[in-house]
Amino acid sequence: MTETQHSTPPGTVTALGDGALRLETEDTQSATAAGLALREAAYRGVRDVVVGLHSVVVIFDPLLADPPNLAARLREVDRLKDEFIGMFSHELRTPLASILGYAEILIEDGVTGPDADHCVEVIDRNAKRLLRLAGDLQLLSQINSGHMSMEFRSADLADLAACAVEEMRPEAERKHIDLVLSATAVPHLAADPTRIAQLLGNLLSNAVKFTPDGGKVEVRLGTEGDQAVLEVADSGIGIPAADRERIFDRFFRTALATQQAIQGTGLGLAITKAIVEAHNGTIAVDSDEGRGSTFTVRLPHQPPVSRSAA
């Protein structure tokens, strides 16, 4: 392992390979040594600190090891922050404007009958949209902190898929989309039913959202070995090749979604991936621009013991 010496009174900092930094000092108080090491390495993105009697090893992110790369990463973080603020403002403003507008019609115009029912339906739909946004942000915070709550028990994946399909059916019918469930016998698996339902809802919502009127969305369920295999396929706009690698990044939205002004926060697939990984599963996408997308989720039948509680 190559070592580079830097004189930093009152100790010596040694940059090690594999993303580590060591500070050696005559100060026998390890807390002081740790403070010096952290001060030296904090801007590099500290991962861990190992304290000894006369030395401290700080593990940092190698991607942030050099100031030029750090500056680029900070600019990227700043850009993402601006994008998030813009997205969040839009996702709040649109449903709130709709709720206020239709509430005003009910209050000031005194509409009754079918017109009033329509106003209430729109208000209800947009209120639920805001509730989902709040829930997504809360779950994202749990994921970031490593404390996403999970409750594993025997779950019927076929039943969960059927419920998710029926919940999405009104929206699919509104767009004249053929929504189909094709399921073979699947053994019950150890899973968190609430999270699996959320996973299914996210994938189905995206499939219907990105499929033009008159298209098709199919949910396929089966088994391969000791895994349950779930596929959500659509005949929608697809994902450009340049965007596929980032499709599971939080807040990321494809160029097509932006160009066509399709609403969304860019959180759904990031949350879906986190849920899949919490079940020790995998998720993959097969897609090209203009030919639709197929998301494949593989979940083991046995519970992920190390993640059964958070």
C-alpha atoms as a PDB file:
ATOM      1  CA  MET A   1       0.000   0.000   0.000  1.00  0.00           C
ATOM      2  CA  THR A   2       1.542   3.326  -1.072  1.00  0.00           C
ATOM      3  CA  GLU A   3       1.989   5.931   1.640  1.00  0.00           C
ATOM      4  CA  THR A   4       2.378   9.701   1.242  1.00  0.00           C
ATOM      5  CA  GLN A   5       3.662  11.756   4.176  1.00  0.00           C
ATOM      6  CA  HIS A   6       2.268  15.210   5.043  1.00  0.00           C
ATOM      7  CA  SER A   7       3.699  17.173   7.968  1.00  0.00           C
ATOM      8  CA  THR A   8       0.785  18.430  10.052  1.00  0.00           C
ATOM      9  CA  PRO A   9       1.772  19.491  13.591  1.00  0.00           C
ATOM     10  CA  PRO A  10       1.403  18.153  16.166  1.00  0.00           C
ATOM     11  CA  GLY A  11       1.354  14.859  14.248  1.00  0.00           C
ATOM     12  CA  THR A  12       2.032  13.241  10.895  1.00  0.00           C
ATOM     13  CA  VAL A  13      -0.734  12.491   8.432  1.00  0.00           C
ATOM     14  CA  THR A  14      -0.238   9.465   6.188  1.00  0.00           C
ATOM     15  CA  ALA A  15      -2.503   9.020   3.166  1.00  0.00           C
ATOM     16  CA  LEU A  16      -2.973   5.291   2.666  1.00  0.00           C
ATOM     17  CA  GLY A  17      -4.408   3.451  -0.303  1.00  0.00           C
ATOM     18  CA  ASP A  18      -7.939   2.041  -0.344  1.00  0.00           C
ATOM     19  CA  GLY A  19      -9.468   5.262   0.901  1.00  0.00           C
ATOM     20  CA  ALA A  20      -7.786   5.645   4.317  1.00  0.00           C
ATOM     21  CA  LEU A  21      -5.930   8.414   6.127  1.00  0.00           C
ATOM     22  CA  ARG A  22      -3.762   7.835   9.229  1.00  0.00           C
ATOM     23  CA  LEU A  23      -2.676  10.452  11.756  1.00  0.00           C
ATOM     24  CA  GLU A  24       0.216   9.590  14.101  1.00  0.00           C
ATOM     25  CA  THR A  25       0.809  11.838  17.087  1.00  0.00           C
ATOM     26  CA  GLU A  26       2.670  11.835  20.386  1.00  0.00           C
ATOM     27  CA  ASP A  27      -0.489  12.964  22.114  1.00  0.00           C
ATOM     28  CA  THR A  28      -1.692   9.988  24.114  1.00  0.00           C
ATOM     29  CA  GLN A  29      -5.251  11.282  24.242  1.00  0.00           C
ATOM     30  CA  SER A  30      -6.984   9.468  21.431  1.00  0.00           C
ATOM     31  CA  ALA A  31      -9.812  12.002  21.392  1.00  0.00           C
ATOM     32  CA  THR A  32      -7.352  14.748  20.441  1.00  0.00           C
ATOM     33  CA  ALA A  33      -5.835  12.549  17.751  1.00  0.00           C
ATOM     34  CA  ALA A  34      -9.296  11.776  16.385  1.00  0.00           C
ATOM     35  CA  GLY A  35     -10.147  15.468  16.307  1.00  0.00           C
ATOM     36  CA  LEU A  36      -7.000  16.287  14.353  1.00  0.00           C
ATOM     37  CA  ALA A  37      -7.609  13.470  11.888  1.00  0.00           C
ATOM     38  CA  LEU A  38     -11.193  14.476  11.318  1.00  0.00           C
ATOM     39  CA  ARG A  39     -10.196  18.100  10.814  1.00  0.00           C
ATOM     40  CA  GLU A  40      -7.696  16.954   8.194  1.00  0.00           C
ATOM     41  CA  ALA A  41     -10.053  14.578   6.403  1.00  0.00           C
ATOM     42  CA  ALA A  42     -13.562  15.941   6.929  1.00  0.00           C
ATOM     43  CA  TYR A  43     -13.749  17.581   3.544  1.00  0.00           C
ATOM     44  CA  ARG A  44     -12.932  14.241   1.945  1.00  0.00           C
ATOM     45  CA  GLY A  45     -16.179  12.600   3.063  1.00  0.00           C
ATOM     46  CA  VAL A  46     -15.344  10.569   6.192  1.00  0.00           C
ATOM     47  CA  ARG A  47     -16.792   7.042   6.293  1.00  0.00           C
ATOM     48  CA  ASP A  48     -15.318   5.678   9.526  1.00  0.00           C
ATOM     49  CA  VAL A  49     -12.752   6.444  12.239  1.00  0.00           C
ATOM     50  CA  VAL A  50     -10.588   3.823  13.980  1.00  0.00           C
ATOM     51  CA  VAL A  51      -8.918   5.230  17.098  1.00  0.00           C
ATOM     52  CA  GLY A  52      -5.697   3.859  18.612  1.00  0.00           C
ATOM     53  CA  LEU A  53      -3.475   5.024  21.450  1.00  0.00           C
ATOM     54  CA  HIS A  54      -1.071   7.051  19.285  1.00  0.00           C
ATOM     55  CA  SER A  55      -2.809   7.027  15.907  1.00  0.00           C
ATOM     56  CA  VAL A  56      -6.139   7.340  14.200  1.00  0.00           C
ATOM     57  CA  VAL A  57      -7.197   5.799  10.878  1.00  0.00           C
ATOM     58  CA  VAL A  58      -9.895   7.680   9.029  1.00  0.00           C
ATOM     59  CA  ILE A  59     -11.706   5.897   6.185  1.00  0.00           C
ATOM     60  CA  PHE A  60     -12.978   8.366   3.628  1.00  0.00           C
ATOM     61  CA  ASP A  61     -14.741   8.255   0.277  1.00  0.00           C
ATOM     62  CA  PRO A  62     -12.102   7.894  -2.451  1.00  0.00           C
ATOM     63  CA  LEU A  63     -14.402   9.702  -4.879  1.00  0.00           C
ATOM     64  CA  LEU A  64     -13.938  12.808  -2.757  1.00  0.00           C
ATOM     65  CA  ALA A  65     -10.218  12.332  -2.191  1.00  0.00           C
ATOM     66  CA  ASP A  66      -9.043  15.245  -4.309  1.00  0.00           C
ATOM     67  CA  PRO A  67     -10.283  18.850  -4.086  1.00  0.00           C
ATOM     68  CA  PRO A  68     -11.076  19.160  -7.848  1.00  0.00           C
ATOM     69  CA  ASN A  69     -13.404  16.168  -7.686  1.00  0.00           C
ATOM     70  CA  LEU A  70     -14.847  17.507  -4.447  1.00  0.00           C
ATOM     71  CA  ALA A  71     -15.718  20.783  -6.126  1.00  0.00           C
ATOM     72  CA  ALA A  72     -17.464  18.938  -8.965  1.00  0.00           C
ATOM     73  CA  ARG A  73     -19.424  16.803  -6.504  1.00  0.00           C
ATOM     74  CA  LEU A  74     -20.460  19.873  -4.525  1.00  0.00           C
ATOM     75  CA  ARG A  75     -21.650  21.575  -7.708  1.00  0.00           C
ATOM     76  CA  GLU A  76     -23.670  18.451  -8.544  1.00  0.00           C
ATOM     77  CA  VAL A  77     -25.209  18.432  -5.054  1.00  0.00           C
ATOM     78  CA  ASP A  78     -26.100  22.103  -5.436  1.00  0.00           C
ATOM     79  CA  ARG A  79     -27.691  21.416  -8.835  1.00  0.00           C
ATOM     80  CA  LEU A  80     -29.736  18.524  -7.433  1.00  0.00           C
ATOM     81  CA  LYS A  81     -30.852  20.734  -4.552  1.00  0.00           C
ATOM     82  CA  ASP A  82     -32.137  23.361  -6.984  1.00  0.00           C
ATOM     83  CA  GLU A  83     -33.891  20.674  -9.049  1.00  0.00           C
ATOM     84  CA  PHE A  84     -35.513  19.228  -5.937  1.00  0.00           C
ATOM     85  CA  ILE A  85     -36.795  22.631  -4.790  1.00  0.00           C
ATOM     86  CA  GLY A  86     -38.249  23.298  -8.240  1.00  0.00           C
ATOM     87  CA  MET A  87     -39.804  19.841  -8.471  1.00  0.00           C
ATOM     88  CA  PHE A  88     -41.201  19.948  -4.949  1.00  0.00           C
ATOM     89  CA  SER A  89     -42.706  23.406  -5.482  1.00  0.00           C
ATOM     90  CA  HIS A  90     -44.405  22.227  -8.679  1.00  0.00           C
ATOM     91  CA  GLU A  91     -45.668  18.983  -7.140  1.00  0.00           C
ATOM     92  CA  LEU A  92     -47.191  20.960  -4.263  1.00  0.00           C
ATOM     93  CA  ARG A  93     -48.540  23.861  -6.280  1.00  0.00           C
ATOM     94  CA  THR A  94     -50.426  21.837  -8.900  1.00  0.00           C
ATOM     95  CA  PRO A  95     -52.658  19.728  -6.588  1.00  0.00           C
ATOM     96  CA  LEU A  96     -53.109  22.597  -4.133  1.00  0.00           C
ATOM     97  CA  ALA A  97     -54.298  24.906  -6.931  1.00  0.00           C
ATOM     98  CA  SER A  98     -56.753  22.223  -8.040  1.00  0.00           C
ATOM     99  CA  ILE A  99     -58.050  21.653  -4.505  1.00  0.00           C
ATOM    100  CA  LEU A 100     -58.504  25.381  -3.880  1.00  0.00           C
ATOM    101  CA  GLY A 101     -60.140  25.948  -7.256  1.00  0.00           C
ATOM    102  CA  TYR A 102     -62.739  23.227  -6.879  1.00  0.00           C
ATOM    103  CA  ALA A 103     -63.359  24.105  -3.226  1.00  0.00           C
ATOM    104  CA  GLU A 104     -64.089  27.656  -4.344  1.00  0.00           C
ATOM    105  CA  ILE A 105     -66.636  26.342  -6.864  1.00  0.00           C
ATOM    106  CA  LEU A 106     -68.369  24.346  -4.135  1.00  0.00           C
ATOM    107  CA  ILE A 107     -68.403  27.257  -1.682  1.00  0.00           C
ATOM    108  CA  GLU A 108     -69.196  30.231  -3.913  1.00  0.00           C
ATOM    109  CA  ASP A 109     -71.245  28.708  -6.739  1.00  0.00           C
ATOM    110  CA  GLY A 110     -73.238  26.335  -4.578  1.00  0.00           C
ATOM    111  CA  VAL A 111     -73.161  23.532  -7.139  1.00  0.00           C
ATOM    112  CA  THR A 112     -75.109  20.360  -6.423  1.00  0.00           C
ATOM    113  CA  GLY A 113     -75.681  16.946  -7.921  1.00  0.00           C
ATOM    114  CA  PRO A 114     -73.192  15.441 -10.394  1.00  0.00           C
ATOM    115  CA  ASP A 115     -71.206  18.689 -10.628  1.00  0.00           C
ATOM    116  CA  ALA A 116     -70.646  18.686  -6.870  1.00  0.00           C
ATOM    117  CA  ASP A 117     -69.682  15.015  -6.966  1.00  0.00           C
ATOM    118  CA  HIS A 118     -67.094  15.804  -9.639  1.00  0.00           C
ATOM    119  CA  CYS A 119     -65.626  18.629  -7.526  1.00  0.00           C
ATOM    120  CA  VAL A 120     -65.358  16.353  -4.494  1.00  0.00           C
ATOM    121  CA  GLU A 121     -63.728  13.633  -6.612  1.00  0.00           C
ATOM    122  CA  VAL A 122     -61.061  16.030  -7.905  1.00  0.00           C
ATOM    123  CA  ILE A 123     -60.372  17.380  -4.415  1.00  0.00           C
ATOM    124  CA  ASP A 124     -60.096  13.852  -3.034  1.00  0.00           C
ATOM    125  CA  ARG A 125     -57.731  12.730  -5.823  1.00  0.00           C
ATOM    126  CA  ASN A 126     -55.401  15.695  -5.379  1.00  0.00           C
ATOM    127  CA  ALA A 127     -55.423  15.444  -1.580  1.00  0.00           C
ATOM    128  CA  LYS A 128     -54.347  11.802  -1.908  1.00  0.00           C
ATOM    129  CA  ARG A 129     -51.601  12.886  -4.319  1.00  0.00           C
ATOM    130  CA  LEU A 130     -50.255  15.271  -1.667  1.00  0.00           C
ATOM    131  CA  LEU A 131     -50.490  12.526   0.952  1.00  0.00           C
ATOM    132  CA  ARG A 132     -48.466  10.169  -1.285  1.00  0.00           C
ATOM    133  CA  LEU A 133     -45.833  12.858  -1.785  1.00  0.00           C
ATOM    134  CA  ALA A 134     -45.535  13.372   1.979  1.00  0.00           C
ATOM    135  CA  GLY A 135     -45.315   9.613   2.484  1.00  0.00           C
ATOM    136  CA  ASP A 136     -42.606   9.268  -0.174  1.00  0.00           C
ATOM    137  CA  LEU A 137     -40.508  12.012   1.419  1.00  0.00           C
ATOM    138  CA  GLN A 138     -40.910  10.447   4.872  1.00  0.00           C
ATOM    139  CA  LEU A 139     -39.903   7.021   3.559  1.00  0.00           C
ATOM    140  CA  LEU A 140     -36.954   8.516   1.683  1.00  0.00           C
ATOM    141  CA  SER A 141     -35.770  10.052   4.951  1.00  0.00           C
ATOM    142  CA  GLN A 142     -35.972   6.615   6.618  1.00  0.00           C
ATOM    143  CA  ILE A 143     -34.038   5.047   3.740  1.00  0.00           C
ATOM    144  CA  ASN A 144     -31.325   7.711   3.956  1.00  0.00           C
ATOM    145  CA  SER A 145     -30.939   7.143   7.694  1.00  0.00           C
ATOM    146  CA  GLY A 146     -30.847   3.365   7.270  1.00  0.00           C
ATOM    147  CA  HIS A 147     -33.943   2.897   9.420  1.00  0.00           C
ATOM    148  CA  MET A 148     -36.699   1.918   7.005  1.00  0.00           C
ATOM    149  CA  SER A 149     -39.269   0.039   9.100  1.00  0.00           C
ATOM    150  CA  MET A 150     -39.963  -3.517   7.905  1.00  0.00           C
ATOM    151  CA  GLU A 151     -42.410  -6.116   9.249  1.00  0.00           C
ATOM    152  CA  PHE A 152     -41.811  -9.518   7.648  1.00  0.00           C
ATOM    153  CA  ARG A 153     -44.526 -12.170   7.649  1.00  0.00           C
ATOM    154  CA  SER A 154     -46.049 -14.684   5.266  1.00  0.00           C
ATOM    155  CA  ALA A 155     -47.349 -12.768   2.250  1.00  0.00           C
ATOM    156  CA  ASP A 156     -49.461 -13.784  -0.732  1.00  0.00           C
ATOM    157  CA  LEU A 157     -47.763 -12.042  -3.649  1.00  0.00           C
ATOM    158  CA  ALA A 158     -50.530 -13.035  -6.086  1.00  0.00           C
ATOM    159  CA  ASP A 159     -53.157 -11.420  -3.863  1.00  0.00           C
ATOM    160  CA  LEU A 160     -51.055  -8.271  -3.422  1.00  0.00           C
ATOM    161  CA  ALA A 161     -50.560  -8.041  -7.193  1.00  0.00           C
ATOM    162  CA  ALA A 162     -54.293  -8.484  -7.834  1.00  0.00           C
ATOM    163  CA  CYS A 163     -55.144  -5.724  -5.352  1.00  0.00           C
ATOM    164  CA  ALA A 164     -52.564  -3.368  -6.890  1.00  0.00           C
ATOM    165  CA  VAL A 165     -53.975  -4.001 -10.365  1.00  0.00           C
ATOM    166  CA  GLU A 166     -57.543  -3.278  -9.227  1.00  0.00           C
ATOM    167  CA  GLU A 167     -56.453  -0.077  -7.492  1.00  0.00           C
ATOM    168  CA  MET A 168     -54.828   1.114 -10.725  1.00  0.00           C
ATOM    169  CA  ARG A 169     -57.679  -0.011 -12.973  1.00  0.00           C
ATOM    170  CA  PRO A 170     -59.730   3.238 -12.828  1.00  0.00           C
ATOM    171  CA  GLU A 171     -56.745   5.269 -14.042  1.00  0.00           C
ATOM    172  CA  ALA A 172     -55.983   2.686 -16.734  1.00  0.00           C
ATOM    173  CA  GLU A 173     -59.602   2.762 -17.915  1.00  0.00           C
ATOM    174  CA  ARG A 174     -59.531   6.553 -18.023  1.00  0.00           C
ATOM    175  CA  LYS A 175     -56.672   6.277 -20.545  1.00  0.00           C
ATOM    176  CA  HIS A 176     -58.226   3.262 -22.322  1.00  0.00           C
ATOM    177  CA  ILE A 177     -55.207   1.158 -21.335  1.00  0.00           C
ATOM    178  CA  ASP A 178     -55.566  -2.625 -21.314  1.00  0.00           C
ATOM    179  CA  LEU A 179     -54.392  -3.619 -17.817  1.00  0.00           C
ATOM    180  CA  VAL A 180     -53.769  -7.372 -17.492  1.00  0.00           C
ATOM    181  CA  LEU A 181     -52.582  -9.652 -14.674  1.00  0.00           C
ATOM    182  CA  SER A 182     -51.014 -12.999 -15.667  1.00  0.00           C
ATOM    183  CA  ALA A 183     -50.121 -15.038 -12.596  1.00  0.00           C
ATOM    184  CA  THR A 184     -49.113 -18.637 -11.995  1.00  0.00           C
ATOM    185  CA  ALA A 185     -49.177 -20.339  -8.607  1.00  0.00           C
ATOM    186  CA  VAL A 186     -46.616 -18.668  -6.358  1.00  0.00           C
ATOM    187  CA  PRO A 187     -45.817 -19.939  -2.846  1.00  0.00           C
ATOM    188  CA  HIS A 188     -46.267 -17.489  -0.016  1.00  0.00           C
ATOM    189  CA  LEU A 189     -43.041 -15.663   0.705  1.00  0.00           C
ATOM    190  CA  ALA A 190     -41.621 -13.920   3.746  1.00  0.00           C
ATOM    191  CA  ALA A 191     -42.098 -10.226   3.042  1.00  0.00           C
ATOM    192  CA  ASP A 192     -43.474  -6.950   4.325  1.00  0.00           C
ATOM    193  CA  PRO A 193     -46.904  -6.797   2.620  1.00  0.00           C
ATOM    194  CA  THR A 194     -47.201  -3.024   3.049  1.00  0.00           C
ATOM    195  CA  ARG A 195     -43.853  -2.400   1.357  1.00  0.00           C
ATOM    196  CA  ILE A 196     -44.560  -4.924  -1.407  1.00  0.00           C
ATOM    197  CA  ALA A 197     -47.886  -3.192  -2.077  1.00  0.00           C
ATOM    198  CA  GLN A 198     -46.025   0.101  -2.267  1.00  0.00           C
ATOM    199  CA  LEU A 199     -43.507  -1.427  -4.678  1.00  0.00           C
ATOM    200  CA  LEU A 200     -46.317  -2.728  -6.907  1.00  0.00           C
ATOM    201  CA  GLY A 201     -48.148   0.577  -6.759  1.00  0.00           C
ATOM    202  CA  ASN A 202     -45.049   2.501  -7.828  1.00  0.00           C
ATOM    203  CA  LEU A 203     -44.303   0.217 -10.783  1.00  0.00           C
ATOM    204  CA  LEU A 204     -47.927   0.144 -11.960  1.00  0.00           C
ATOM    205  CA  SER A 205     -48.372   3.876 -11.542  1.00  0.00           C
ATOM    206  CA  ASN A 206     -45.298   4.522 -13.681  1.00  0.00           C
ATOM    207  CA  ALA A 207     -46.383   2.001 -16.305  1.00  0.00           C
ATOM    208  CA  VAL A 208     -49.823   3.602 -16.708  1.00  0.00           C
ATOM    209  CA  LYS A 209     -48.428   7.125 -16.487  1.00  0.00           C
ATOM    210  CA  PHE A 210     -45.862   6.607 -19.258  1.00  0.00           C
ATOM    211  CA  THR A 211     -48.138   4.585 -21.555  1.00  0.00           C
ATOM    212  CA  PRO A 212     -50.163   6.598 -24.101  1.00  0.00           C
ATOM    213  CA  ASP A 213     -53.921   6.205 -24.437  1.00  0.00           C
ATOM    214  CA  GLY A 214     -54.914   2.845 -25.906  1.00  0.00           C
ATOM    215  CA  GLY A 215     -51.732   1.063 -24.805  1.00  0.00           C
ATOM    216  CA  LYS A 216     -51.218  -2.030 -22.696  1.00  0.00           C
ATOM    217  CA  VAL A 217     -49.765  -2.758 -19.255  1.00  0.00           C
ATOM    218  CA  GLU A 218     -49.214  -6.349 -18.144  1.00  0.00           C
ATOM    219  CA  VAL A 219     -48.276  -7.662 -14.702  1.00  0.00           C
ATOM    220  CA  ARG A 220     -46.707 -11.136 -14.811  1.00  0.00           C
ATOM    221  CA  LEU A 221     -46.050 -13.256 -11.746  1.00  0.00           C
ATOM    222  CA  GLY A 222     -44.301 -16.612 -11.442  1.00  0.00           C
ATOM    223  CA  THR A 223     -41.435 -18.488  -9.797  1.00  0.00           C
ATOM    224  CA  GLU A 224     -37.896 -19.422 -10.791  1.00  0.00           C
ATOM    225  CA  GLY A 225     -36.121 -21.761  -8.371  1.00  0.00           C
ATOM    226  CA  ASP A 226     -36.313 -20.276  -4.891  1.00  0.00           C
ATOM    227  CA  GLN A 227     -37.395 -16.853  -6.129  1.00  0.00           C
ATOM    228  CA  ALA A 228     -40.673 -15.175  -6.946  1.00  0.00           C
ATOM    229  CA  VAL A 229     -40.450 -13.226 -10.202  1.00  0.00           C
ATOM    230  CA  LEU A 230     -42.613 -10.178 -10.803  1.00  0.00           C
ATOM    231  CA  GLU A 231     -42.647  -8.302 -14.119  1.00  0.00           C
ATOM    232  CA  VAL A 232     -44.454  -5.085 -14.994  1.00  0.00           C
ATOM    233  CA  ALA A 233     -44.371  -4.497 -18.744  1.00  0.00           C
ATOM    234  CA  ASP A 234     -45.858  -1.591 -20.682  1.00  0.00           C
ATOM    235  CA  SER A 235     -46.130  -0.402 -24.278  1.00  0.00           C
ATOM    236  CA  GLY A 236     -45.225   3.152 -23.305  1.00  0.00           C
ATOM    237  CA  ILE A 237     -42.691   5.748 -24.368  1.00  0.00           C
ATOM    238  CA  GLY A 238     -39.709   3.768 -23.066  1.00  0.00           C
ATOM    239  CA  ILE A 239     -36.476   4.982 -21.512  1.00  0.00           C
ATOM    240  CA  PRO A 240     -33.676   6.539 -23.587  1.00  0.00           C
ATOM    241  CA  ALA A 241     -30.418   4.587 -23.412  1.00  0.00           C
ATOM    242  CA  ALA A 242     -28.626   7.593 -21.902  1.00  0.00           C
ATOM    243  CA  ASP A 243     -31.055   7.614 -18.962  1.00  0.00           C
ATOM    244  CA  ARG A 244     -31.254   3.914 -18.079  1.00  0.00           C
ATOM    245  CA  GLU A 245     -28.236   3.875 -15.754  1.00  0.00           C
ATOM    246  CA  ARG A 246     -29.755   6.640 -13.605  1.00  0.00           C
ATOM    247  CA  ILE A 247     -33.357   5.481 -13.662  1.00  0.00           C
ATOM    248  CA  PHE A 248     -33.214   4.341 -10.007  1.00  0.00           C
ATOM    249  CA  ASP A 249     -31.497   7.519  -8.754  1.00  0.00           C
ATOM    250  CA  ARG A 250     -33.594   9.608  -6.416  1.00  0.00           C
ATOM    251  CA  PHE A 251     -35.183  12.703  -7.985  1.00  0.00           C
ATOM    252  CA  PHE A 252     -34.024  11.618 -11.449  1.00  0.00           C
ATOM    253  CA  ARG A 253     -36.480  12.112 -14.294  1.00  0.00           C
ATOM    254  CA  THR A 254     -35.855  11.037 -17.863  1.00  0.00           C
ATOM    255  CA  ALA A 255     -35.495  13.530 -20.682  1.00  0.00           C
ATOM    256  CA  LEU A 256     -38.726  12.213 -22.231  1.00  0.00           C
ATOM    257  CA  ALA A 257     -40.674  12.745 -19.008  1.00  0.00           C
ATOM    258  CA  THR A 258     -39.412  16.299 -18.769  1.00  0.00           C
ATOM    259  CA  GLN A 259     -40.062  17.079 -22.434  1.00  0.00           C
ATOM    260  CA  GLN A 260     -43.607  15.720 -22.280  1.00  0.00           C
ATOM    261  CA  ALA A 261     -44.319  17.415 -18.931  1.00  0.00           C
ATOM    262  CA  ILE A 262     -45.356  14.127 -17.312  1.00  0.00           C
ATOM    263  CA  GLN A 263     -45.873  14.755 -13.613  1.00  0.00           C
ATOM    264  CA  GLY A 264     -43.682  13.005 -11.047  1.00  0.00           C
ATOM    265  CA  THR A 265     -41.122  13.500  -8.310  1.00  0.00           C
ATOM    266  CA  GLY A 266     -38.435  11.055  -9.398  1.00  0.00           C
ATOM    267  CA  LEU A 267     -38.787   9.236  -6.057  1.00  0.00           C
ATOM    268  CA  GLY A 268     -40.890   6.207  -6.971  1.00  0.00           C
ATOM    269  CA  LEU A 269     -38.212   3.997  -8.525  1.00  0.00           C
ATOM    270  CA  ALA A 270     -35.596   4.954  -5.916  1.00  0.00           C
ATOM    271  CA  ILE A 271     -38.019   3.895  -3.181  1.00  0.00           C
ATOM    272  CA  THR A 272     -38.965   0.752  -5.111  1.00  0.00           C
ATOM    273  CA  LYS A 273     -35.322  -0.292  -5.395  1.00  0.00           C
ATOM    274  CA  ALA A 274     -34.777   0.283  -1.666  1.00  0.00           C
ATOM    275  CA  ILE A 275     -37.792  -1.909  -0.851  1.00  0.00           C
ATOM    276  CA  VAL A 276     -36.551  -4.674  -3.172  1.00  0.00           C
ATOM    277  CA  GLU A 277     -33.075  -4.591  -1.634  1.00  0.00           C
ATOM    278  CA  ALA A 278     -34.552  -4.660   1.881  1.00  0.00           C
ATOM    279  CA  HIS A 279     -36.027  -8.036   0.847  1.00  0.00           C
ATOM    280  CA  ASN A 280     -32.622  -9.197  -0.482  1.00  0.00           C
ATOM    281  CA  GLY A 281     -34.088  -9.040  -3.968  1.00  0.00           C
ATOM    282  CA  THR A 282     -33.043  -7.497  -7.262  1.00  0.00           C
ATOM    283  CA  ILE A 283     -34.703  -5.200  -9.774  1.00  0.00           C
ATOM    284  CA  ALA A 284     -33.771  -4.638 -13.402  1.00  0.00           C
ATOM    285  CA  VAL A 285     -35.220  -2.796 -16.382  1.00  0.00           C
ATOM    286  CA  ASP A 286     -35.294  -3.650 -20.074  1.00  0.00           C
ATOM    287  CA  SER A 287     -36.313  -0.682 -22.192  1.00  0.00           C
ATOM    288  CA  ASP A 288     -35.628   1.373 -25.269  1.00  0.00           C
ATOM    289  CA  GLU A 289     -37.087   4.655 -26.359  1.00  0.00           C
ATOM    290  CA  GLY A 290     -40.363   4.108 -28.160  1.00  0.00           C
ATOM    291  CA  ARG A 291     -40.821   0.394 -27.373  1.00  0.00           C
ATOM    292  CA  GLY A 292     -41.998   0.369 -23.781  1.00  0.00           C
ATOM    293  CA  SER A 293     -40.373  -0.878 -20.585  1.00  0.00           C
ATOM    294  CA  THR A 294     -40.278  -4.077 -18.544  1.00  0.00           C
ATOM    295  CA  PHE A 295     -39.275  -3.964 -14.880  1.00  0.00           C
ATOM    296  CA  THR A 296     -38.334  -7.345 -13.385  1.00  0.00           C
ATOM    297  CA  VAL A 297     -38.262  -7.901  -9.630  1.00  0.00           C
ATOM    298  CA  ARG A 298     -36.867 -11.095  -8.090  1.00  0.00           C
ATOM    299  CA  LEU A 299     -37.623 -11.820  -4.442  1.00  0.00           C
ATOM    300  CA  PRO A 300     -36.355 -14.801  -2.405  1.00  0.00           C
ATOM    301  CA  HIS A 301     -38.960 -16.904  -0.648  1.00  0.00           C
ATOM    302  CA  GLN A 302     -36.950 -16.888   2.586  1.00  0.00           C
ATOM    303  CA  PRO A 303     -36.801 -13.768   4.787  1.00  0.00           C
ATOM    304  CA  PRO A 304     -33.650 -11.620   4.873  1.00  0.00           C
ATOM    305  CA  VAL A 305     -32.825 -12.355   8.519  1.00  0.00           C
ATOM    306  CA  SER A 306     -30.364  -9.474   8.884  1.00  0.00           C
ATOM    307  CA  ARG A 307     -33.008  -6.995   7.718  1.00  0.00           C
ATOM    308  CA  SER A 308     -36.090  -8.393   9.361  1.00  0.00           C
ATOM    309  CA  ALA A 309     -36.234  -5.420  11.697  1.00  0.00           C
ATOM    310  CA  ALA A 310     -35.046  -1.875  11.516  1.00  0.00           C
END
